[in-house]
Amino acid sequence: MARLTGFLLALAILCSLGVVASQHQARKLYAAMELEQQNTQQLDEEWGRLQIEQRTWAGHARVEKLARERLLMKQPVPGQILLLEERP
């Protein structure tokens, strides 16, 4: 009977240690998940800012201004415009 009690006590202690270890691992994984969620949120915010910046740099008014100032381009007169039609 004493052997059975000792075996059950040892088994209970091992199970308790297993529970503690698994809870510790779960907490570590949860902390890592929280950190990755914060990183994801920061990347989403940066992506939004970059999209706004891209729209700003590619805006029609800005492109036209740069074409006029740097490339010395100007609006063609109606006689210089040639309309091409796509054939089916």
N, C-alpha and C. Protein backbone atom coordinates (compact mmCIF):
# COMPACT_ATOMS: atom_id res chain seq x y z
N MET A 1 0.82 -1.19 0.00
CA MET A 1 0.00 0.00 0.00
C MET A 1 0.87 1.27 0.00
N ALA A 2 1.97 1.22 0.75
CA ALA A 2 2.87 2.38 0.81
C ALA A 2 3.51 2.63 -0.55
N ARG A 3 3.81 1.57 -1.26
CA ARG A 3 4.41 1.72 -2.60
C ARG A 3 3.41 2.40 -3.53
N LEU A 4 2.14 2.00 -3.46
CA LEU A 4 1.10 2.59 -4.30
C LEU A 4 0.92 4.06 -3.97
N THR A 5 0.93 4.38 -2.68
CA THR A 5 0.79 5.78 -2.25
C THR A 5 1.99 6.59 -2.74
N GLY A 6 3.16 6.07 -2.60
CA GLY A 6 4.36 6.76 -3.08
C GLY A 6 4.34 6.94 -4.59
N PHE A 7 3.90 5.93 -5.30
CA PHE A 7 3.81 6.02 -6.77
C PHE A 7 2.79 7.08 -7.17
N LEU A 8 1.62 7.07 -6.50
CA LEU A 8 0.58 8.06 -6.82
C LEU A 8 1.04 9.48 -6.48
N LEU A 9 1.77 9.61 -5.37
CA LEU A 9 2.31 10.92 -4.99
C LEU A 9 3.31 11.41 -6.04
N ALA A 10 4.18 10.54 -6.46
CA ALA A 10 5.16 10.91 -7.49
C ALA A 10 4.46 11.26 -8.80
N LEU A 11 3.43 10.50 -9.13
CA LEU A 11 2.67 10.78 -10.36
C LEU A 11 1.96 12.12 -10.27
N ALA A 12 1.39 12.43 -9.09
CA ALA A 12 0.73 13.71 -8.89
C ALA A 12 1.72 14.87 -9.01
N ILE A 13 2.93 14.69 -8.45
CA ILE A 13 3.95 15.74 -8.54
C ILE A 13 4.39 15.93 -9.99
N LEU A 14 4.59 14.86 -10.72
CA LEU A 14 4.97 14.98 -12.13
C LEU A 14 3.89 15.66 -12.95
N CYS A 15 2.63 15.30 -12.67
CA CYS A 15 1.52 15.95 -13.39
C CYS A 15 1.47 17.43 -13.08
N SER A 16 1.69 17.78 -11.80
CA SER A 16 1.69 19.19 -11.40
C SER A 16 2.81 19.95 -12.11
N LEU A 17 3.98 19.36 -12.17
CA LEU A 17 5.09 20.00 -12.88
C LEU A 17 4.79 20.15 -14.37
N GLY A 18 4.11 19.17 -14.93
CA GLY A 18 3.72 19.27 -16.34
C GLY A 18 2.74 20.39 -16.57
N VAL A 19 1.79 20.58 -15.65
CA VAL A 19 0.82 21.67 -15.76
C VAL A 19 1.53 23.01 -15.66
N VAL A 20 2.44 23.14 -14.69
CA VAL A 20 3.18 24.39 -14.53
C VAL A 20 4.00 24.69 -15.79
N ALA A 21 4.66 23.70 -16.32
CA ALA A 21 5.47 23.91 -17.53
C ALA A 21 4.60 24.30 -18.72
N SER A 22 3.47 23.66 -18.86
CA SER A 22 2.60 23.98 -19.99
C SER A 22 2.00 25.38 -19.84
N GLN A 23 1.66 25.79 -18.61
CA GLN A 23 1.15 27.14 -18.40
C GLN A 23 2.23 28.18 -18.70
N HIS A 24 3.44 27.90 -18.29
CA HIS A 24 4.55 28.81 -18.58
C HIS A 24 4.75 28.95 -20.09
N GLN A 25 4.72 27.84 -20.78
CA GLN A 25 4.88 27.86 -22.24
C GLN A 25 3.73 28.63 -22.89
N ALA A 26 2.52 28.43 -22.38
CA ALA A 26 1.35 29.14 -22.94
C ALA A 26 1.50 30.65 -22.73
N ARG A 27 1.99 31.06 -21.57
CA ARG A 27 2.18 32.49 -21.32
C ARG A 27 3.25 33.08 -22.24
N LYS A 28 4.33 32.34 -22.43
CA LYS A 28 5.38 32.81 -23.34
C LYS A 28 4.85 32.96 -24.76
N LEU A 29 4.07 31.97 -25.21
CA LEU A 29 3.51 32.04 -26.56
C LEU A 29 2.50 33.18 -26.69
N TYR A 30 1.72 33.41 -25.65
CA TYR A 30 0.75 34.51 -25.68
C TYR A 30 1.47 35.86 -25.77
N ALA A 31 2.55 36.01 -24.99
CA ALA A 31 3.33 37.25 -25.04
C ALA A 31 3.93 37.45 -26.44
N ALA A 32 4.42 36.38 -27.03
CA ALA A 32 4.98 36.48 -28.39
C ALA A 32 3.89 36.84 -29.39
N MET A 33 2.70 36.27 -29.22
CA MET A 33 1.59 36.59 -30.12
C MET A 33 1.19 38.06 -29.99
N GLU A 34 1.14 38.59 -28.76
CA GLU A 34 0.82 39.99 -28.55
C GLU A 34 1.84 40.90 -29.25
N LEU A 35 3.12 40.53 -29.13
CA LEU A 35 4.17 41.32 -29.76
C LEU A 35 4.01 41.31 -31.28
N GLU A 36 3.71 40.16 -31.85
CA GLU A 36 3.52 40.07 -33.30
C GLU A 36 2.28 40.83 -33.75
N GLN A 37 1.25 40.86 -32.94
CA GLN A 37 0.05 41.63 -33.29
C GLN A 37 0.36 43.12 -33.28
N GLN A 38 1.18 43.57 -32.34
CA GLN A 38 1.60 44.97 -32.33
C GLN A 38 2.43 45.30 -33.56
N ASN A 39 3.33 44.39 -33.92
CA ASN A 39 4.14 44.60 -35.14
C ASN A 39 3.26 44.66 -36.37
N THR A 40 2.24 43.79 -36.42
CA THR A 40 1.32 43.79 -37.55
C THR A 40 0.57 45.11 -37.64
N GLN A 41 0.13 45.62 -36.50
CA GLN A 41 -0.59 46.89 -36.49
C GLN A 41 0.31 48.03 -36.95
N GLN A 42 1.57 48.03 -36.49
CA GLN A 42 2.50 49.08 -36.92
C GLN A 42 2.76 49.00 -38.42
N LEU A 43 2.90 47.79 -38.94
CA LEU A 43 3.11 47.63 -40.39
C LEU A 43 1.89 48.06 -41.18
N ASP A 44 0.69 47.78 -40.67
CA ASP A 44 -0.53 48.23 -41.35
C ASP A 44 -0.60 49.75 -41.38
N GLU A 45 -0.23 50.39 -40.27
CA GLU A 45 -0.23 51.86 -40.24
C GLU A 45 0.79 52.43 -41.22
N GLU A 46 1.98 51.83 -41.25
CA GLU A 46 3.01 52.29 -42.18
C GLU A 46 2.56 52.09 -43.63
N TRP A 47 1.90 50.97 -43.91
CA TRP A 47 1.40 50.71 -45.25
C TRP A 47 0.39 51.78 -45.67
N GLY A 48 -0.48 52.16 -44.74
CA GLY A 48 -1.44 53.22 -45.04
C GLY A 48 -0.75 54.54 -45.35
N ARG A 49 0.27 54.88 -44.54
CA ARG A 49 1.01 56.12 -44.79
C ARG A 49 1.73 56.07 -46.14
N LEU A 50 2.30 54.91 -46.47
CA LEU A 50 2.99 54.79 -47.76
C LEU A 50 2.04 54.89 -48.93
N GLN A 51 0.82 54.37 -48.78
CA GLN A 51 -0.16 54.50 -49.86
C GLN A 51 -0.54 55.96 -50.06
N ILE A 52 -0.71 56.68 -48.97
CA ILE A 52 -1.03 58.11 -49.07
C ILE A 52 0.12 58.85 -49.75
N GLU A 53 1.35 58.52 -49.34
CA GLU A 53 2.52 59.16 -49.94
C GLU A 53 2.61 58.85 -51.43
N GLN A 54 2.32 57.61 -51.81
CA GLN A 54 2.37 57.25 -53.22
C GLN A 54 1.34 58.04 -54.02
N ARG A 55 0.13 58.16 -53.47
CA ARG A 55 -0.91 58.95 -54.18
C ARG A 55 -0.48 60.40 -54.32
N THR A 56 0.20 60.92 -53.29
CA THR A 56 0.66 62.30 -53.34
C THR A 56 1.72 62.49 -54.43
N TRP A 57 2.71 61.58 -54.46
CA TRP A 57 3.79 61.70 -55.44
C TRP A 57 3.31 61.45 -56.87
N ALA A 58 2.29 60.62 -57.03
CA ALA A 58 1.83 60.28 -58.37
C ALA A 58 0.62 61.12 -58.79
N GLY A 59 0.28 62.12 -58.01
CA GLY A 59 -0.88 62.95 -58.35
C GLY A 59 -0.72 63.64 -59.70
N HIS A 60 -1.83 63.79 -60.40
CA HIS A 60 -1.80 64.36 -61.76
C HIS A 60 -1.20 65.76 -61.76
N ALA A 61 -1.59 66.59 -60.79
CA ALA A 61 -1.10 67.98 -60.77
C ALA A 61 0.42 68.01 -60.56
N ARG A 62 0.93 67.15 -59.71
CA ARG A 62 2.36 67.12 -59.46
C ARG A 62 3.13 66.63 -60.68
N VAL A 63 2.64 65.59 -61.31
CA VAL A 63 3.30 65.05 -62.51
C VAL A 63 3.30 66.10 -63.61
N GLU A 64 2.18 66.78 -63.78
CA GLU A 64 2.11 67.81 -64.81
C GLU A 64 3.07 68.96 -64.51
N LYS A 65 3.15 69.37 -63.25
CA LYS A 65 4.05 70.45 -62.86
C LYS A 65 5.50 70.06 -63.14
N LEU A 66 5.88 68.83 -62.78
CA LEU A 66 7.25 68.39 -63.04
C LEU A 66 7.54 68.29 -64.53
N ALA A 67 6.56 67.85 -65.30
CA ALA A 67 6.75 67.75 -66.75
C ALA A 67 6.98 69.13 -67.36
N ARG A 68 6.24 70.10 -66.88
CA ARG A 68 6.40 71.47 -67.42
C ARG A 68 7.73 72.09 -66.99
N GLU A 69 8.08 71.92 -65.70
CA GLU A 69 9.26 72.60 -65.17
C GLU A 69 10.57 71.90 -65.55
N ARG A 70 10.65 70.61 -65.32
CA ARG A 70 11.91 69.89 -65.53
C ARG A 70 12.12 69.44 -66.96
N LEU A 71 11.06 69.00 -67.61
CA LEU A 71 11.19 68.47 -68.96
C LEU A 71 10.79 69.49 -70.03
N LEU A 72 10.36 70.65 -69.58
CA LEU A 72 9.94 71.73 -70.47
C LEU A 72 8.85 71.27 -71.44
N MET A 73 7.96 70.44 -70.97
CA MET A 73 6.85 69.96 -71.80
C MET A 73 5.72 70.98 -71.74
N LYS A 74 4.89 70.98 -72.76
CA LYS A 74 3.74 71.87 -72.77
C LYS A 74 2.57 71.15 -73.43
N GLN A 75 1.40 71.70 -73.25
CA GLN A 75 0.18 71.12 -73.81
C GLN A 75 0.22 71.26 -75.35
N PRO A 76 -0.04 70.18 -76.08
CA PRO A 76 -0.01 70.28 -77.55
C PRO A 76 -1.21 71.07 -78.06
N VAL A 77 -1.00 71.69 -79.17
CA VAL A 77 -2.12 72.41 -79.80
C VAL A 77 -2.98 71.38 -80.52
N PRO A 78 -4.25 71.67 -80.74
CA PRO A 78 -5.14 70.68 -81.35
C PRO A 78 -4.64 70.08 -82.66
N GLY A 79 -3.89 70.79 -83.45
CA GLY A 79 -3.38 70.26 -84.70
C GLY A 79 -2.29 69.21 -84.51
N GLN A 80 -1.67 69.16 -83.35
CA GLN A 80 -0.60 68.21 -83.08
C GLN A 80 -1.12 66.90 -82.48
N ILE A 81 -2.39 66.86 -82.17
CA ILE A 81 -2.96 65.66 -81.55
C ILE A 81 -3.40 64.69 -82.62
N LEU A 82 -2.99 63.46 -82.51
CA LEU A 82 -3.35 62.42 -83.46
C LEU A 82 -4.09 61.33 -82.69
N LEU A 83 -5.30 61.04 -83.12
CA LEU A 83 -6.13 60.05 -82.44
C LEU A 83 -5.99 58.72 -83.17
N LEU A 84 -5.61 57.69 -82.45
CA LEU A 84 -5.49 56.36 -83.02
C LEU A 84 -6.62 55.50 -82.51
N GLU A 85 -7.23 54.76 -83.42
CA GLU A 85 -8.30 53.85 -83.03
C GLU A 85 -7.85 52.43 -83.14
N GLU A 86 -8.27 51.62 -82.21
CA GLU A 86 -7.91 50.21 -82.21
C GLU A 86 -8.85 49.46 -83.15
N ARG A 87 -8.27 48.62 -83.99
CA ARG A 87 -9.10 47.83 -84.91
C ARG A 87 -9.43 46.49 -84.25
N PRO A 88 -10.64 46.01 -84.44
CA PRO A 88 -11.03 44.73 -83.84
C PRO A 88 -10.35 43.54 -84.45
